[in-house]
Amino acid sequence: MAVWNALIRTHHITSRKKVAKLRQAASNCNVYALLRSGGCPGIMYCEGHESGVREWISTVQRLRYKDFQLVKKAAEIHPDGGPAKTPPSSHSKRNDAEYGKLDEVVSVKDFAARMQESGIWDWWRKGMGYIHES
């Protein structure tokens, strides 16, 4: 089984109650989630097995974020210039302990750095509209 991911943009992420629900959903769905919260734009990244990623996206949709955009639909992860990523227990950059949790950053720059560390910076930049799909 491959590792999947998805990218969501919203107007903003400021509600601590909604963030708590997203944190619980990350645990329940056994996915790794990363949020850019505190202002505009709100950015959400999710990674895990297909069913968990899809379930986490559904949870986000039910929270009715303003200007919700699923900019990168759930799909297998293909690191920049490489083959599909393997499950967390194999060659993933994330270890098993990172699944089932949610991290937050306060700036787009910090979010971008995390995407670059994960090897999906170009994928993220395309999803955010910074570069066009080729």
Protein backbone atom coordinates (compact mmCIF):
# COMPACT_ATOMS: atom_id res chain seq x y z
CA MET A 1 0.00 0.00 0.00
CA ALA A 2 1.21 3.48 -0.87
CA VAL A 3 1.16 6.62 1.25
CA TRP A 4 -1.37 9.24 0.16
CA ASN A 5 -1.62 12.96 0.74
CA ALA A 6 -3.90 15.93 0.12
CA LEU A 7 -3.70 19.73 0.35
CA ILE A 8 -6.48 22.09 1.42
CA ARG A 9 -6.67 25.90 1.38
CA THR A 10 -9.16 27.92 3.37
CA HIS A 11 -9.66 31.60 4.05
CA HIS A 12 -8.20 31.23 7.54
CA ILE A 13 -7.84 28.80 10.45
CA THR A 14 -8.45 30.58 13.75
CA SER A 15 -11.03 28.55 15.70
CA ARG A 16 -9.29 26.57 18.44
CA LYS A 17 -12.40 24.35 18.71
CA LYS A 18 -12.08 23.38 15.05
CA VAL A 19 -8.32 22.80 15.43
CA ALA A 20 -9.08 20.49 18.38
CA LYS A 21 -11.52 18.55 16.18
CA LEU A 22 -8.88 18.30 13.43
CA ARG A 23 -6.33 17.06 15.98
CA GLN A 24 -8.79 14.38 17.14
CA ALA A 25 -9.56 13.44 13.51
CA ALA A 26 -5.81 13.04 12.79
CA SER A 27 -5.62 10.63 15.70
CA ASN A 28 -8.79 8.74 14.74
CA CYS A 29 -7.77 8.49 11.06
CA ASN A 30 -4.12 7.70 11.89
CA VAL A 31 -2.80 10.42 9.58
CA TYR A 32 -0.15 13.10 9.87
CA ALA A 33 -1.68 16.56 9.48
CA LEU A 34 0.02 19.94 9.26
CA LEU A 35 -1.87 23.24 9.61
CA ARG A 36 -0.90 26.82 8.90
CA SER A 37 -3.18 28.53 11.41
CA GLY A 38 -3.70 31.96 12.85
CA GLY A 39 -4.38 33.98 9.71
CA CYS A 40 -4.87 34.06 5.98
CA PRO A 41 -4.47 31.78 4.15
CA GLY A 42 -5.32 28.68 6.11
CA ILE A 43 -3.39 25.69 4.75
CA MET A 44 -3.87 22.03 5.65
CA TYR A 45 -1.74 19.08 4.60
CA CYS A 46 -2.63 15.47 5.35
CA GLU A 47 -0.61 12.27 4.81
CA GLY A 48 -1.34 8.61 5.51
CA HIS A 49 -3.08 5.59 4.07
CA GLU A 50 -5.79 6.29 1.49
CA SER A 51 -8.78 5.62 3.75
CA GLY A 52 -7.41 7.80 6.55
CA VAL A 53 -6.64 10.72 4.22
CA ARG A 54 -10.09 10.56 2.64
CA GLU A 55 -11.78 10.37 6.05
CA TRP A 56 -9.74 13.33 7.35
CA ILE A 57 -10.74 15.42 4.30
CA SER A 58 -14.39 14.61 4.99
CA THR A 59 -13.96 15.82 8.56
CA VAL A 60 -12.51 19.11 7.32
CA GLN A 61 -15.41 19.56 4.89
CA ARG A 62 -17.96 18.99 7.68
CA LEU A 63 -16.35 21.82 9.68
CA ARG A 64 -17.44 24.21 6.92
CA TYR A 65 -14.35 26.38 6.58
CA LYS A 66 -14.81 29.61 4.64
CA ASP A 67 -13.48 29.34 1.06
CA PHE A 68 -12.68 25.60 1.41
CA GLN A 69 -10.60 24.45 -1.59
CA LEU A 70 -9.27 20.91 -2.00
CA VAL A 71 -6.36 22.12 -4.16
CA LYS A 72 -4.62 18.74 -4.30
CA LYS A 73 -7.02 15.81 -4.11
CA ALA A 74 -6.12 12.66 -2.22
CA ALA A 75 -3.55 10.72 -4.26
CA GLU A 76 -0.41 8.65 -3.86
CA ILE A 77 2.62 10.69 -2.84
CA HIS A 78 5.24 11.09 -5.52
CA PRO A 79 8.19 12.97 -4.02
CA ASP A 80 9.60 15.61 -6.35
CA GLY A 81 11.09 13.67 -9.23
CA GLY A 82 10.66 10.25 -7.64
CA PRO A 83 8.47 7.14 -7.49
CA ALA A 84 5.45 6.74 -5.21
CA LYS A 85 6.18 6.82 -1.50
CA THR A 86 5.87 3.59 0.44
CA PRO A 87 3.92 3.07 3.70
CA PRO A 88 5.09 4.68 6.94
CA SER A 89 6.71 1.45 8.08
CA SER A 90 8.95 1.35 4.99
CA HIS A 91 10.94 4.17 3.39
CA SER A 92 8.78 7.16 4.37
CA LYS A 93 10.53 10.17 5.86
CA ARG A 94 7.91 10.07 8.61
CA ASN A 95 8.14 7.47 11.31
CA ASP A 96 5.14 5.61 12.71
CA ALA A 97 5.01 7.91 15.76
CA GLU A 98 4.17 10.91 13.55
CA TYR A 99 0.98 9.31 12.24
CA GLY A 100 -2.08 10.07 14.32
CA LYS A 101 -0.95 13.60 15.15
CA LEU A 102 -1.39 17.15 13.99
CA ASP A 103 1.30 19.86 13.92
CA GLU A 104 0.76 23.60 13.51
CA VAL A 105 2.94 26.33 12.08
CA VAL A 106 2.20 30.05 12.07
CA SER A 107 3.72 31.14 8.76
CA VAL A 108 3.54 30.11 5.13
CA LYS A 109 7.35 30.15 5.13
CA ASP A 110 7.44 27.51 7.91
CA PHE A 111 4.82 25.45 6.06
CA ALA A 112 6.89 25.61 2.88
CA ALA A 113 9.98 24.49 4.78
CA ARG A 114 8.10 21.42 6.03
CA MET A 115 6.99 20.60 2.49
CA GLN A 116 10.57 20.93 1.26
CA GLU A 117 11.83 18.66 4.07
CA SER A 118 9.24 16.07 3.00
CA GLY A 119 10.41 16.18 -0.62
CA ILE A 120 7.11 17.51 -1.97
CA TRP A 121 7.90 21.20 -2.34
CA ASP A 122 7.14 21.37 -6.09
CA TRP A 123 3.86 19.48 -5.53
CA TRP A 124 2.93 21.98 -2.78
CA ARG A 125 3.90 25.01 -4.86
CA LYS A 126 1.70 23.79 -7.73
CA GLY A 127 -1.21 23.24 -5.35
CA MET A 128 -0.82 26.73 -3.91
CA GLY A 129 -0.74 28.25 -7.41
CA TYR A 130 2.83 29.55 -7.11
CA ILE A 131 3.85 27.59 -10.22
CA HIS A 132 1.70 26.16 -12.99
CA GLU A 133 1.16 22.47 -13.74
CA SER A 134 3.27 21.37 -16.71
